[in-house]
Amino acid sequence: MKGLKQWLLALMAVFMVAGIATGCSNNDKKTDGTNTQQNQDADNTKTEESGQ
Protein backbone atom coordinates (compact mmCIF):
# COMPACT_ATOMS: atom_id res chain seq x y z
CA MET A 1 0.00 0.00 0.00
CA LYS A 2 2.89 2.33 0.76
CA GLY A 3 4.34 1.76 -2.72
CA LEU A 4 1.00 2.62 -4.31
CA LYS A 5 0.81 5.90 -2.39
CA GLN A 6 4.31 6.87 -3.45
CA TRP A 7 3.51 6.00 -7.07
CA LEU A 8 0.33 8.09 -7.01
CA LEU A 9 2.16 10.99 -5.36
CA ALA A 10 4.82 10.91 -8.08
CA LEU A 11 2.19 10.74 -10.81
CA MET A 12 0.29 13.71 -9.38
CA ALA A 13 3.52 15.68 -9.10
CA VAL A 14 4.27 15.04 -12.78
CA PHE A 15 0.81 16.24 -13.80
CA MET A 16 1.12 19.35 -11.62
CA VAL A 17 4.49 20.26 -13.13
CA ALA A 18 3.16 19.67 -16.64
CA GLY A 19 0.12 21.84 -15.92
CA ILE A 20 2.23 24.64 -14.51
CA ALA A 21 4.64 24.47 -17.44
CA THR A 22 1.85 24.69 -20.02
CA GLY A 23 0.06 27.41 -18.09
CA CYS A 24 3.19 29.52 -17.89
CA SER A 25 4.15 29.17 -21.54
CA ASN A 26 4.47 32.50 -23.28
CA ASN A 27 2.68 31.89 -26.56
CA ASP A 28 2.04 35.31 -28.09
CA LYS A 29 1.19 34.00 -31.55
CA LYS A 30 -2.55 33.87 -32.04
CA THR A 31 -3.22 31.56 -34.96
CA ASP A 32 -6.49 29.96 -35.87
CA GLY A 33 -4.85 27.01 -37.61
CA THR A 34 -6.19 27.82 -41.07
CA ASN A 35 -3.27 29.93 -42.27
CA THR A 36 -0.55 27.30 -42.49
CA GLN A 37 2.30 26.95 -44.95
CA GLN A 38 0.59 24.00 -46.59
CA ASN A 39 -2.61 25.99 -47.15
CA GLN A 40 -0.64 28.94 -48.52
CA ASP A 41 1.20 26.68 -50.97
CA ALA A 42 -2.08 25.17 -52.13
CA ASP A 43 -3.55 28.63 -52.73
CA ASN A 44 -0.47 29.71 -54.69
CA THR A 45 -0.62 26.72 -57.01
CA LYS A 46 -4.29 27.31 -57.74
CA THR A 47 -3.70 30.91 -58.77
CA GLU A 48 -0.64 29.99 -60.87
CA GLU A 49 -2.53 27.28 -62.74
CA SER A 50 -5.52 29.49 -63.45
CA GLY A 51 -3.35 32.37 -64.62
CA GLN A 52 -4.79 34.90 -62.19
PDB file of N, CA and C in Angstrom:
ATOM      1  N   MET A   1       0.827  -1.197   0.000  1.00  0.00           N
ATOM      2  CA  MET A   1       0.000   0.000   0.000  1.00  0.00           C
ATOM      3  C   MET A   1       0.868   1.257   0.000  1.00  0.00           C
ATOM      4  N   LYS A   2       2.014   1.164   0.711  1.00  0.00           N
ATOM      5  CA  LYS A   2       2.894   2.326   0.765  1.00  0.00           C
ATOM      6  C   LYS A   2       3.483   2.629  -0.614  1.00  0.00           C
ATOM      7  N   GLY A   3       3.803   1.584  -1.371  1.00  0.00           N
ATOM      8  CA  GLY A   3       4.344   1.763  -2.718  1.00  0.00           C
ATOM      9  C   GLY A   3       3.324   2.407  -3.647  1.00  0.00           C
ATOM     10  N   LEU A   4       2.062   2.034  -3.482  1.00  0.00           N
ATOM     11  CA  LEU A   4       1.004   2.620  -4.306  1.00  0.00           C
ATOM     12  C   LEU A   4       0.847   4.108  -4.016  1.00  0.00           C
ATOM     13  N   LYS A   5       0.925   4.484  -2.763  1.00  0.00           N
ATOM     14  CA  LYS A   5       0.806   5.900  -2.395  1.00  0.00           C
ATOM     15  C   LYS A   5       1.960   6.713  -2.966  1.00  0.00           C
ATOM     16  N   GLN A   6       3.155   6.171  -2.903  1.00  0.00           N
ATOM     17  CA  GLN A   6       4.309   6.868  -3.453  1.00  0.00           C
ATOM     18  C   GLN A   6       4.186   6.996  -4.971  1.00  0.00           C
ATOM     19  N   TRP A   7       3.689   5.967  -5.619  1.00  0.00           N
ATOM     20  CA  TRP A   7       3.514   6.002  -7.067  1.00  0.00           C
ATOM     21  C   TRP A   7       2.480   7.048  -7.458  1.00  0.00           C
ATOM     22  N   LEU A   8       1.368   7.092  -6.721  1.00  0.00           N
ATOM     23  CA  LEU A   8       0.331   8.086  -7.008  1.00  0.00           C
ATOM     24  C   LEU A   8       0.830   9.498  -6.729  1.00  0.00           C
ATOM     25  N   LEU A   9       1.597   9.681  -5.665  1.00  0.00           N
ATOM     26  CA  LEU A   9       2.156  10.991  -5.365  1.00  0.00           C
ATOM     27  C   LEU A   9       3.082  11.457  -6.482  1.00  0.00           C
ATOM     28  N   ALA A  10       3.920  10.563  -6.981  1.00  0.00           N
ATOM     29  CA  ALA A  10       4.822  10.906  -8.076  1.00  0.00           C
ATOM     30  C   ALA A  10       4.043  11.239  -9.347  1.00  0.00           C
ATOM     31  N   LEU A  11       3.006  10.489  -9.625  1.00  0.00           N
ATOM     32  CA  LEU A  11       2.191  10.741 -10.811  1.00  0.00           C
ATOM     33  C   LEU A  11       1.484  12.090 -10.724  1.00  0.00           C
ATOM     34  N   MET A  12       0.938  12.404  -9.556  1.00  0.00           N
ATOM     35  CA  MET A  12       0.286  13.710  -9.376  1.00  0.00           C
ATOM     36  C   MET A  12       1.288  14.848  -9.493  1.00  0.00           C
ATOM     37  N   ALA A  13       2.490  14.650  -9.001  1.00  0.00           N
ATOM     38  CA  ALA A  13       3.523  15.682  -9.104  1.00  0.00           C
ATOM     39  C   ALA A  13       3.879  15.937 -10.568  1.00  0.00           C
ATOM     40  N   VAL A  14       3.967  14.878 -11.360  1.00  0.00           N
ATOM     41  CA  VAL A  14       4.271  15.037 -12.785  1.00  0.00           C
ATOM     42  C   VAL A  14       3.170  15.827 -13.481  1.00  0.00           C
ATOM     43  N   PHE A  15       1.915  15.511 -13.176  1.00  0.00           N
ATOM     44  CA  PHE A  15       0.808  16.243 -13.797  1.00  0.00           C
ATOM     45  C   PHE A  15       0.773  17.698 -13.347  1.00  0.00           C
ATOM     46  N   MET A  16       1.100  17.961 -12.099  1.00  0.00           N
ATOM     47  CA  MET A  16       1.124  19.348 -11.619  1.00  0.00           C
ATOM     48  C   MET A  16       2.210  20.148 -12.320  1.00  0.00           C
ATOM     49  N   VAL A  17       3.391  19.564 -12.460  1.00  0.00           N
ATOM     50  CA  VAL A  17       4.491  20.256 -13.133  1.00  0.00           C
ATOM     51  C   VAL A  17       4.147  20.498 -14.603  1.00  0.00           C
ATOM     52  N   ALA A  18       3.548  19.512 -15.240  1.00  0.00           N
ATOM     53  CA  ALA A  18       3.159  19.670 -16.644  1.00  0.00           C
ATOM     54  C   ALA A  18       2.097  20.754 -16.788  1.00  0.00           C
ATOM     55  N   GLY A  19       1.150  20.801 -15.874  1.00  0.00           N
ATOM     56  CA  GLY A  19       0.121  21.842 -15.916  1.00  0.00           C
ATOM     57  C   GLY A  19       0.679  23.224 -15.701  1.00  0.00           C
ATOM     58  N   ILE A  20       1.607  23.344 -14.766  1.00  0.00           N
ATOM     59  CA  ILE A  20       2.227  24.645 -14.511  1.00  0.00           C
ATOM     60  C   ILE A  20       3.060  25.073 -15.706  1.00  0.00           C
ATOM     61  N   ALA A  21       3.785  24.142 -16.288  1.00  0.00           N
ATOM     62  CA  ALA A  21       4.641  24.465 -17.439  1.00  0.00           C
ATOM     63  C   ALA A  21       3.805  24.921 -18.633  1.00  0.00           C
ATOM     64  N   THR A  22       2.683  24.278 -18.883  1.00  0.00           N
ATOM     65  CA  THR A  22       1.853  24.692 -20.017  1.00  0.00           C
ATOM     66  C   THR A  22       1.100  25.974 -19.704  1.00  0.00           C
ATOM     67  N   GLY A  23       0.756  26.186 -18.470  1.00  0.00           N
ATOM     68  CA  GLY A  23       0.059  27.412 -18.088  1.00  0.00           C
ATOM     69  C   GLY A  23       0.956  28.625 -18.129  1.00  0.00           C
ATOM     70  N   CYS A  24       2.240  28.417 -17.917  1.00  0.00           N
ATOM     71  CA  CYS A  24       3.186  29.523 -17.895  1.00  0.00           C
ATOM     72  C   CYS A  24       3.864  29.746 -19.234  1.00  0.00           C
ATOM     73  N   SER A  25       3.501  28.983 -20.246  1.00  0.00           N
ATOM     74  CA  SER A  25       4.150  29.169 -21.538  1.00  0.00           C
ATOM     75  C   SER A  25       3.757  30.519 -22.108  1.00  0.00           C
ATOM     76  N   ASN A  26       4.689  31.168 -22.740  1.00  0.00           N
ATOM     77  CA  ASN A  26       4.468  32.502 -23.276  1.00  0.00           C
ATOM     78  C   ASN A  26       4.238  32.380 -24.773  1.00  0.00           C
ATOM     79  N   ASN A  27       3.022  32.073 -25.167  1.00  0.00           N
ATOM     80  CA  ASN A  27       2.681  31.890 -26.563  1.00  0.00           C
ATOM     81  C   ASN A  27       1.921  33.122 -27.036  1.00  0.00           C
ATOM     82  N   ASP A  28       2.654  34.072 -27.640  1.00  0.00           N
ATOM     83  CA  ASP A  28       2.036  35.313 -28.090  1.00  0.00           C
ATOM     84  C   ASP A  28       1.394  35.187 -29.459  1.00  0.00           C
ATOM     85  N   LYS A  29       1.757  34.154 -30.213  1.00  0.00           N
ATOM     86  CA  LYS A  29       1.192  34.001 -31.551  1.00  0.00           C
ATOM     87  C   LYS A  29      -0.240  33.519 -31.437  1.00  0.00           C
ATOM     88  N   LYS A  30      -1.134  34.252 -32.018  1.00  0.00           N
ATOM     89  CA  LYS A  30      -2.547  33.871 -32.036  1.00  0.00           C
ATOM     90  C   LYS A  30      -2.886  33.409 -33.441  1.00  0.00           C
ATOM     91  N   THR A  31      -2.881  32.101 -33.652  1.00  0.00           N
ATOM     92  CA  THR A  31      -3.224  31.563 -34.959  1.00  0.00           C
ATOM     93  C   THR A  31      -4.484  30.730 -34.836  1.00  0.00           C
ATOM     94  N   ASP A  32      -5.254  30.737 -35.884  1.00  0.00           N
ATOM     95  CA  ASP A  32      -6.486  29.960 -35.871  1.00  0.00           C
ATOM     96  C   ASP A  32      -6.307  28.602 -36.540  1.00  0.00           C
ATOM     97  N   GLY A  33      -5.120  28.315 -37.033  1.00  0.00           N
ATOM     98  CA  GLY A  33      -4.849  27.010 -37.608  1.00  0.00           C
ATOM     99  C   GLY A  33      -5.190  26.899 -39.079  1.00  0.00           C
ATOM    100  N   THR A  34      -5.827  27.906 -39.662  1.00  0.00           N
ATOM    101  CA  THR A  34      -6.193  27.817 -41.072  1.00  0.00           C
ATOM    102  C   THR A  34      -5.131  28.412 -41.977  1.00  0.00           C
ATOM    103  N   ASN A  35      -4.280  29.259 -41.453  1.00  0.00           N
ATOM    104  CA  ASN A  35      -3.273  29.927 -42.266  1.00  0.00           C
ATOM    105  C   ASN A  35      -1.928  29.236 -42.071  1.00  0.00           C
ATOM    106  N   THR A  36      -1.791  28.055 -42.614  1.00  0.00           N
ATOM    107  CA  THR A  36      -0.554  27.301 -42.489  1.00  0.00           C
ATOM    108  C   THR A  36       0.226  27.365 -43.786  1.00  0.00           C
ATOM    109  N   GLN A  37       1.468  26.949 -43.746  1.00  0.00           N
ATOM    110  CA  GLN A  37       2.302  26.951 -44.948  1.00  0.00           C
ATOM    111  C   GLN A  37       1.707  26.053 -46.023  1.00  0.00           C
ATOM    112  N   GLN A  38       1.165  24.929 -45.618  1.00  0.00           N
ATOM    113  CA  GLN A  38       0.592  23.999 -46.586  1.00  0.00           C
ATOM    114  C   GLN A  38      -0.606  24.649 -47.287  1.00  0.00           C
ATOM    115  N   ASN A  39      -1.456  25.335 -46.544  1.00  0.00           N
ATOM    116  CA  ASN A  39      -2.608  25.995 -47.155  1.00  0.00           C
ATOM    117  C   ASN A  39      -2.162  27.132 -48.065  1.00  0.00           C
ATOM    118  N   GLN A  40      -1.123  27.855 -47.675  1.00  0.00           N
ATOM    119  CA  GLN A  40      -0.644  28.943 -48.521  1.00  0.00           C
ATOM    120  C   GLN A  40      -0.077  28.395 -49.823  1.00  0.00           C
ATOM    121  N   ASP A  41       0.656  27.284 -49.759  1.00  0.00           N
ATOM    122  CA  ASP A  41       1.199  26.678 -50.970  1.00  0.00           C
ATOM    123  C   ASP A  41       0.075  26.202 -51.887  1.00  0.00           C
ATOM    124  N   ALA A  42      -0.966  25.646 -51.328  1.00  0.00           N
ATOM    125  CA  ALA A  42      -2.084  25.167 -52.128  1.00  0.00           C
ATOM    126  C   ALA A  42      -2.787  26.334 -52.817  1.00  0.00           C
ATOM    127  N   ASP A  43      -2.928  27.458 -52.126  1.00  0.00           N
ATOM    128  CA  ASP A  43      -3.553  28.631 -52.725  1.00  0.00           C
ATOM    129  C   ASP A  43      -2.684  29.193 -53.839  1.00  0.00           C
ATOM    130  N   ASN A  44      -1.370  29.180 -53.670  1.00  0.00           N
ATOM    131  CA  ASN A  44      -0.472  29.706 -54.693  1.00  0.00           C
ATOM    132  C   ASN A  44      -0.500  28.859 -55.958  1.00  0.00           C
ATOM    133  N   THR A  45      -0.598  27.555 -55.824  1.00  0.00           N
ATOM    134  CA  THR A  45      -0.619  26.721 -57.007  1.00  0.00           C
ATOM    135  C   THR A  45      -1.930  26.872 -57.760  1.00  0.00           C
ATOM    136  N   LYS A  46      -3.013  27.104 -57.068  1.00  0.00           N
ATOM    137  CA  LYS A  46      -4.293  27.307 -57.744  1.00  0.00           C
ATOM    138  C   LYS A  46      -4.277  28.575 -58.578  1.00  0.00           C
ATOM    139  N   THR A  47      -3.709  29.661 -58.040  1.00  0.00           N
ATOM    140  CA  THR A  47      -3.696  30.906 -58.768  1.00  0.00           C
ATOM    141  C   THR A  47      -2.706  30.847 -59.930  1.00  0.00           C
ATOM    142  N   GLU A  48      -1.591  30.098 -59.778  1.00  0.00           N
ATOM    143  CA  GLU A  48      -0.636  29.991 -60.865  1.00  0.00           C
ATOM    144  C   GLU A  48      -1.209  29.160 -62.011  1.00  0.00           C
ATOM    145  N   GLU A  49      -1.953  28.126 -61.700  1.00  0.00           N
ATOM    146  CA  GLU A  49      -2.525  27.276 -62.742  1.00  0.00           C
ATOM    147  C   GLU A  49      -3.629  27.990 -63.494  1.00  0.00           C
ATOM    148  N   SER A  50      -4.408  28.821 -62.796  1.00  0.00           N
ATOM    149  CA  SER A  50      -5.521  29.486 -63.446  1.00  0.00           C
ATOM    150  C   SER A  50      -5.092  30.745 -64.187  1.00  0.00           C
ATOM    151  N   GLY A  51      -3.858  31.204 -63.915  1.00  0.00           N
ATOM    152  CA  GLY A  51      -3.347  32.374 -64.616  1.00  0.00           C
ATOM    153  C   GLY A  51      -3.812  33.677 -64.009  1.00  0.00           C
ATOM    154  N   GLN A  52      -4.328  33.649 -62.817  1.00  0.00           N
ATOM    155  CA  GLN A  52      -4.794  34.899 -62.189  1.00  0.00           C
ATOM    156  C   GLN A  52      -3.684  35.594 -61.478  1.00  0.00           C
TER     157      GLN A  52
END
